[in-house]
Amino acid sequence: MSGKDKRIVDATRHFTRGKFDPHFTGFFELFNQRKFFEAHEVLEDLWLADKQGPNGNFYKGLIQLAGAFVHLQKNRPQPAMALFKLALANLKKYPRVHEQLDLDAVCGSIQKWLEDLEQTINPLTAENSPELKLEAGGS
C-alpha cells in the first residue's frame, strides 16, 4: 500500500454513513471543510474504479469541482475557470438529482462562480465558501 493509499484509507474510515461508500461521503465532508485537495484525493479512488461505469463522469465532475477550488485557494483563476467548465459539462450529463445530490443547484453554483470569476480576480473568501449537501433518501 502506497503512502497515498494509506492516507486515504485512514481518512475515509470515519466517513461511513448510510448506503454510500465512505470515499463518496468523505468527499463532501472534506469539501465542506474547505479541504478541496483532500476531497479530490478521497473521491479519486471511486472514480478510478468506475471511470467507464455509470458514475464515471459524475465522480470526475465532482473531482474537477474540488480541483477548481484548489486553484482558487492558490489564487490561480484561469485554471479554476477551466476546471469549473469541465465539471459543469460532466455533471450536466446526469439527472437533476443524482446519488442524492441536487445537480441543478450544483450546476447553478458553478455557473455563478464562473460569472464571479469574470468580474473579479478571485471571488473565494472565507465568507462565501461553497458547500455541498446530499439530500435525504432516493438516488
Foldseek 3Di string as FASTA:
>chain_A
DDPLVVVLCVQQPPQDDDPDRSLVSSLQVCLQVVVLVSSLSSLVVVLVVACVHPCNLVSQLSSLQSVLSVCLVVLNNVSSLVSLVSSLVSLVVDDCADPQWRSVVVSVVSVVLNVVVVVDSHPDDPVDRDHTDGHPDDD
